[in-house]
Amino acid sequence: MYLHTEEEAIFTKFFSDRRKEQFLRGRYAAKKSLAKCLPSTRPTEVAVKPGIFHQPLPTPSVANILGVSIAHTENRADSLWFPREHPMAIDVELLRRSNPNAIRSQLTDRECALQQNTGECEMVFLTRVWTIKEGVCDVLLRGLWGGGDVD
């Protein structure tokens, strides 16, 4: 198993199977990438708990040197560990035909106009801009939708 006892306690409080799966997938990605940064650390020794803005916060044993970002979709999870003095974030989005209107509502007119200069498909462009903005918002602990879906 790879969950810390504190993560197991969080997991048991989820009602939705979808949320449970996302949580497990995100923690698995985090523990696999942590093993590359700190090979001597066992996965169960480090907990990644949600902060006040739902951002992933590692337990104190590594928090003084590393931060972590977790991103997931329905069938994918990715994680990035980074030095605390250099905040980073990772985000991943699916290309969906239903997304452009929702994404466009969160962009400025200037950002939307940039698509014409790229020659890129509108759906791909809007998803790319959304993903970039989500990553920046995650670093700043601010969600685009008002709450943050950092993890």
C-alpha atoms as a PDB file:
ATOM      1  CA  MET A   1       0.000   0.000   0.000  1.00  0.00           C
ATOM      2  CA  TYR A   2       1.150   3.539  -0.558  1.00  0.00           C
ATOM      3  CA  LEU A   3      -1.214   5.662   1.574  1.00  0.00           C
ATOM      4  CA  HIS A   4      -0.136   7.223   4.849  1.00  0.00           C
ATOM      5  CA  THR A   5      -2.591   6.614   7.732  1.00  0.00           C
ATOM      6  CA  GLU A   6      -3.743  10.266   7.516  1.00  0.00           C
ATOM      7  CA  GLU A   7      -4.478   9.807   3.798  1.00  0.00           C
ATOM      8  CA  GLU A   8      -6.429   6.627   4.550  1.00  0.00           C
ATOM      9  CA  ALA A   9      -8.565   8.615   7.004  1.00  0.00           C
ATOM     10  CA  ILE A  10      -9.290  11.238   4.323  1.00  0.00           C
ATOM     11  CA  PHE A  11     -10.092   8.542   1.768  1.00  0.00           C
ATOM     12  CA  THR A  12     -12.701   6.872   3.988  1.00  0.00           C
ATOM     13  CA  LYS A  13     -14.686  10.132   4.191  1.00  0.00           C
ATOM     14  CA  PHE A  14     -15.372  10.288   0.431  1.00  0.00           C
ATOM     15  CA  PHE A  15     -18.809   9.066  -0.629  1.00  0.00           C
ATOM     16  CA  SER A  16     -18.362   9.205  -4.394  1.00  0.00           C
ATOM     17  CA  ASP A  17     -16.530   6.351  -6.105  1.00  0.00           C
ATOM     18  CA  ARG A  18     -15.312   8.863  -8.685  1.00  0.00           C
ATOM     19  CA  ARG A  19     -13.753  11.073  -5.987  1.00  0.00           C
ATOM     20  CA  LYS A  20     -12.199   8.047  -4.271  1.00  0.00           C
ATOM     21  CA  GLU A  21     -10.641   6.961  -7.555  1.00  0.00           C
ATOM     22  CA  GLN A  22      -9.295  10.465  -8.270  1.00  0.00           C
ATOM     23  CA  PHE A  23      -7.852  10.687  -4.767  1.00  0.00           C
ATOM     24  CA  LEU A  24      -6.113   7.317  -5.055  1.00  0.00           C
ATOM     25  CA  ARG A  25      -4.833   8.056  -8.543  1.00  0.00           C
ATOM     26  CA  GLY A  26      -3.476  11.451  -7.423  1.00  0.00           C
ATOM     27  CA  ARG A  27      -1.785  10.064  -4.325  1.00  0.00           C
ATOM     28  CA  TYR A  28      -0.288   7.190  -6.305  1.00  0.00           C
ATOM     29  CA  ALA A  29       1.171   9.653  -8.836  1.00  0.00           C
ATOM     30  CA  ALA A  30       2.513  11.791  -5.976  1.00  0.00           C
ATOM     31  CA  LYS A  31       4.170   8.843  -4.247  1.00  0.00           C
ATOM     32  CA  LYS A  32       5.692   7.513  -7.481  1.00  0.00           C
ATOM     33  CA  SER A  33       7.211  10.902  -8.310  1.00  0.00           C
ATOM     34  CA  LEU A  34       8.359  11.403  -4.705  1.00  0.00           C
ATOM     35  CA  ALA A  35      10.300   8.131  -4.991  1.00  0.00           C
ATOM     36  CA  LYS A  36      12.314   9.706  -7.798  1.00  0.00           C
ATOM     37  CA  CYS A  37      13.138  12.779  -5.658  1.00  0.00           C
ATOM     38  CA  LEU A  38      13.734  10.995  -2.370  1.00  0.00           C
ATOM     39  CA  PRO A  39      14.388   7.307  -3.130  1.00  0.00           C
ATOM     40  CA  SER A  40      14.998   6.409   0.526  1.00  0.00           C
ATOM     41  CA  THR A  41      11.535   7.626   1.593  1.00  0.00           C
ATOM     42  CA  ARG A  42       8.785   4.993   1.799  1.00  0.00           C
ATOM     43  CA  PRO A  43       5.407   6.095   0.362  1.00  0.00           C
ATOM     44  CA  THR A  44       3.607   5.470   3.644  1.00  0.00           C
ATOM     45  CA  GLU A  45       5.988   7.817   5.501  1.00  0.00           C
ATOM     46  CA  VAL A  46       4.658  10.920   3.728  1.00  0.00           C
ATOM     47  CA  ALA A  47       1.075  12.170   3.745  1.00  0.00           C
ATOM     48  CA  VAL A  48      -0.232  14.625   1.185  1.00  0.00           C
ATOM     49  CA  LYS A  49      -3.164  16.403   2.817  1.00  0.00           C
ATOM     50  CA  PRO A  50      -5.444  19.124   1.465  1.00  0.00           C
ATOM     51  CA  GLY A  51      -4.667  22.662   2.571  1.00  0.00           C
ATOM     52  CA  ILE A  52      -7.148  25.453   3.183  1.00  0.00           C
ATOM     53  CA  PHE A  53      -7.480  26.022  -0.577  1.00  0.00           C
ATOM     54  CA  HIS A  54      -7.474  22.261  -1.240  1.00  0.00           C
ATOM     55  CA  GLN A  55      -3.876  22.488  -2.384  1.00  0.00           C
ATOM     56  CA  PRO A  56      -1.818  19.353  -1.699  1.00  0.00           C
ATOM     57  CA  LEU A  57       0.427  19.807   1.328  1.00  0.00           C
ATOM     58  CA  PRO A  58       3.061  17.221   2.227  1.00  0.00           C
ATOM     59  CA  THR A  59       3.669  16.230   5.836  1.00  0.00           C
ATOM     60  CA  PRO A  60       6.361  18.116   7.738  1.00  0.00           C
ATOM     61  CA  SER A  61       8.987  15.432   7.097  1.00  0.00           C
ATOM     62  CA  VAL A  62       9.411  16.706   3.529  1.00  0.00           C
ATOM     63  CA  ALA A  63       7.446  20.001   3.569  1.00  0.00           C
ATOM     64  CA  ASN A  64      10.484  22.007   4.647  1.00  0.00           C
ATOM     65  CA  ILE A  65      12.257  21.124   1.402  1.00  0.00           C
ATOM     66  CA  LEU A  66       9.582  20.073  -1.117  1.00  0.00           C
ATOM     67  CA  GLY A  67       6.146  21.094  -2.292  1.00  0.00           C
ATOM     68  CA  VAL A  68       3.862  19.004  -4.481  1.00  0.00           C
ATOM     69  CA  SER A  69       1.307  19.618  -7.204  1.00  0.00           C
ATOM     70  CA  ILE A  70      -1.209  16.986  -8.319  1.00  0.00           C
ATOM     71  CA  ALA A  71      -3.401  17.072 -11.410  1.00  0.00           C
ATOM     72  CA  HIS A  72      -5.943  14.535 -12.590  1.00  0.00           C
ATOM     73  CA  THR A  73      -8.659  13.832 -15.095  1.00  0.00           C
ATOM     74  CA  GLU A  74     -11.060  10.895 -15.187  1.00  0.00           C
ATOM     75  CA  ASN A  75      -8.365   8.447 -16.263  1.00  0.00           C
ATOM     76  CA  ARG A  76      -5.024  10.114 -15.620  1.00  0.00           C
ATOM     77  CA  ALA A  77      -3.041  11.584 -12.755  1.00  0.00           C
ATOM     78  CA  ASP A  78       0.252  13.445 -12.755  1.00  0.00           C
ATOM     79  CA  SER A  79       2.370  14.870  -9.986  1.00  0.00           C
ATOM     80  CA  LEU A  80       5.242  17.291  -9.652  1.00  0.00           C
ATOM     81  CA  TRP A  81       7.480  17.704  -6.613  1.00  0.00           C
ATOM     82  CA  PHE A  82       9.454  20.949  -6.481  1.00  0.00           C
ATOM     83  CA  PRO A  83      11.803  22.870  -4.177  1.00  0.00           C
ATOM     84  CA  ARG A  84       9.745  24.999  -1.740  1.00  0.00           C
ATOM     85  CA  GLU A  85      11.630  28.137  -2.726  1.00  0.00           C
ATOM     86  CA  HIS A  86      10.549  27.675  -6.364  1.00  0.00           C
ATOM     87  CA  PRO A  87       6.749  27.097  -6.413  1.00  0.00           C
ATOM     88  CA  MET A  88       5.406  25.189  -9.411  1.00  0.00           C
ATOM     89  CA  ALA A  89       2.198  23.541 -10.497  1.00  0.00           C
ATOM     90  CA  ILE A  90       1.038  20.960 -12.977  1.00  0.00           C
ATOM     91  CA  ASP A  91      -2.330  20.751 -14.675  1.00  0.00           C
ATOM     92  CA  VAL A  92      -3.850  18.355 -17.174  1.00  0.00           C
ATOM     93  CA  GLU A  93      -7.098  18.783 -19.101  1.00  0.00           C
ATOM     94  CA  LEU A  94      -9.021  16.651 -21.553  1.00  0.00           C
ATOM     95  CA  LEU A  95     -10.005  18.048 -24.926  1.00  0.00           C
ATOM     96  CA  ARG A  96     -13.795  18.156 -24.846  1.00  0.00           C
ATOM     97  CA  ARG A  97     -16.176  19.574 -27.392  1.00  0.00           C
ATOM     98  CA  SER A  98     -18.321  20.930 -24.541  1.00  0.00           C
ATOM     99  CA  ASN A  99     -15.462  22.950 -22.990  1.00  0.00           C
ATOM    100  CA  PRO A 100     -14.997  25.977 -25.315  1.00  0.00           C
ATOM    101  CA  ASN A 101     -17.967  28.022 -24.056  1.00  0.00           C
ATOM    102  CA  ALA A 102     -17.128  27.367 -20.407  1.00  0.00           C
ATOM    103  CA  ILE A 103     -13.465  28.169 -20.971  1.00  0.00           C
ATOM    104  CA  ARG A 104     -14.189  31.263 -23.071  1.00  0.00           C
ATOM    105  CA  SER A 105     -16.271  32.646 -20.187  1.00  0.00           C
ATOM    106  CA  GLN A 106     -13.134  32.623 -18.004  1.00  0.00           C
ATOM    107  CA  LEU A 107     -10.827  34.320 -20.516  1.00  0.00           C
ATOM    108  CA  THR A 108     -10.369  37.943 -21.418  1.00  0.00           C
ATOM    109  CA  ASP A 109     -11.264  39.212 -24.900  1.00  0.00           C
ATOM    110  CA  ARG A 110      -7.555  39.699 -25.542  1.00  0.00           C
ATOM    111  CA  GLU A 111      -6.796  36.082 -24.627  1.00  0.00           C
ATOM    112  CA  CYS A 112      -9.577  34.831 -26.903  1.00  0.00           C
ATOM    113  CA  ALA A 113      -8.286  36.979 -29.768  1.00  0.00           C
ATOM    114  CA  LEU A 114      -4.841  35.357 -29.536  1.00  0.00           C
ATOM    115  CA  GLN A 115      -6.241  32.157 -31.065  1.00  0.00           C
ATOM    116  CA  GLN A 116      -6.494  33.839 -34.469  1.00  0.00           C
ATOM    117  CA  ASN A 117      -2.730  34.436 -34.437  1.00  0.00           C
ATOM    118  CA  THR A 118      -1.880  30.823 -33.671  1.00  0.00           C
ATOM    119  CA  GLY A 119      -3.825  29.095 -36.438  1.00  0.00           C
ATOM    120  CA  GLU A 120      -4.603  26.420 -33.856  1.00  0.00           C
ATOM    121  CA  CYS A 121      -7.952  24.672 -33.570  1.00  0.00           C
ATOM    122  CA  GLU A 122     -10.160  26.681 -31.188  1.00  0.00           C
ATOM    123  CA  MET A 123     -10.772  23.747 -28.837  1.00  0.00           C
ATOM    124  CA  VAL A 124      -7.039  22.973 -28.571  1.00  0.00           C
ATOM    125  CA  PHE A 125      -6.109  26.634 -28.110  1.00  0.00           C
ATOM    126  CA  LEU A 126      -8.733  27.314 -25.437  1.00  0.00           C
ATOM    127  CA  THR A 127      -7.822  24.142 -23.547  1.00  0.00           C
ATOM    128  CA  ARG A 128      -4.136  25.080 -23.678  1.00  0.00           C
ATOM    129  CA  VAL A 129      -4.799  28.614 -22.355  1.00  0.00           C
ATOM    130  CA  TRP A 130      -7.098  27.218 -19.634  1.00  0.00           C
ATOM    131  CA  THR A 131      -4.432  24.721 -18.582  1.00  0.00           C
ATOM    132  CA  ILE A 132      -1.776  27.426 -18.372  1.00  0.00           C
ATOM    133  CA  LYS A 133      -4.062  29.693 -16.327  1.00  0.00           C
ATOM    134  CA  GLU A 134      -5.010  26.820 -14.011  1.00  0.00           C
ATOM    135  CA  GLY A 135      -1.330  26.089 -13.374  1.00  0.00           C
ATOM    136  CA  VAL A 136      -0.592  29.724 -12.542  1.00  0.00           C
ATOM    137  CA  CYS A 137      -3.663  29.881 -10.275  1.00  0.00           C
ATOM    138  CA  ASP A 138      -2.522  26.723  -8.507  1.00  0.00           C
ATOM    139  CA  VAL A 139       0.859  28.299  -7.754  1.00  0.00           C
ATOM    140  CA  LEU A 140      -0.946  31.375  -6.411  1.00  0.00           C
ATOM    141  CA  LEU A 141      -3.482  29.202  -4.506  1.00  0.00           C
ATOM    142  CA  ARG A 142      -6.408  30.756  -6.376  1.00  0.00           C
ATOM    143  CA  GLY A 143      -8.846  28.798  -8.486  1.00  0.00           C
ATOM    144  CA  LEU A 144     -10.326  30.071 -11.736  1.00  0.00           C
ATOM    145  CA  TRP A 145     -13.796  28.993 -10.612  1.00  0.00           C
ATOM    146  CA  GLY A 146     -13.506  30.708  -7.240  1.00  0.00           C
ATOM    147  CA  GLY A 147     -12.527  27.754  -5.085  1.00  0.00           C
ATOM    148  CA  GLY A 148      -9.626  25.978  -6.650  1.00  0.00           C
ATOM    149  CA  ASP A 149      -9.534  22.383  -7.784  1.00  0.00           C
ATOM    150  CA  VAL A 150      -5.952  21.838  -6.829  1.00  0.00           C
ATOM    151  CA  ASP A 151      -6.559  18.502  -5.147  1.00  0.00           C
END
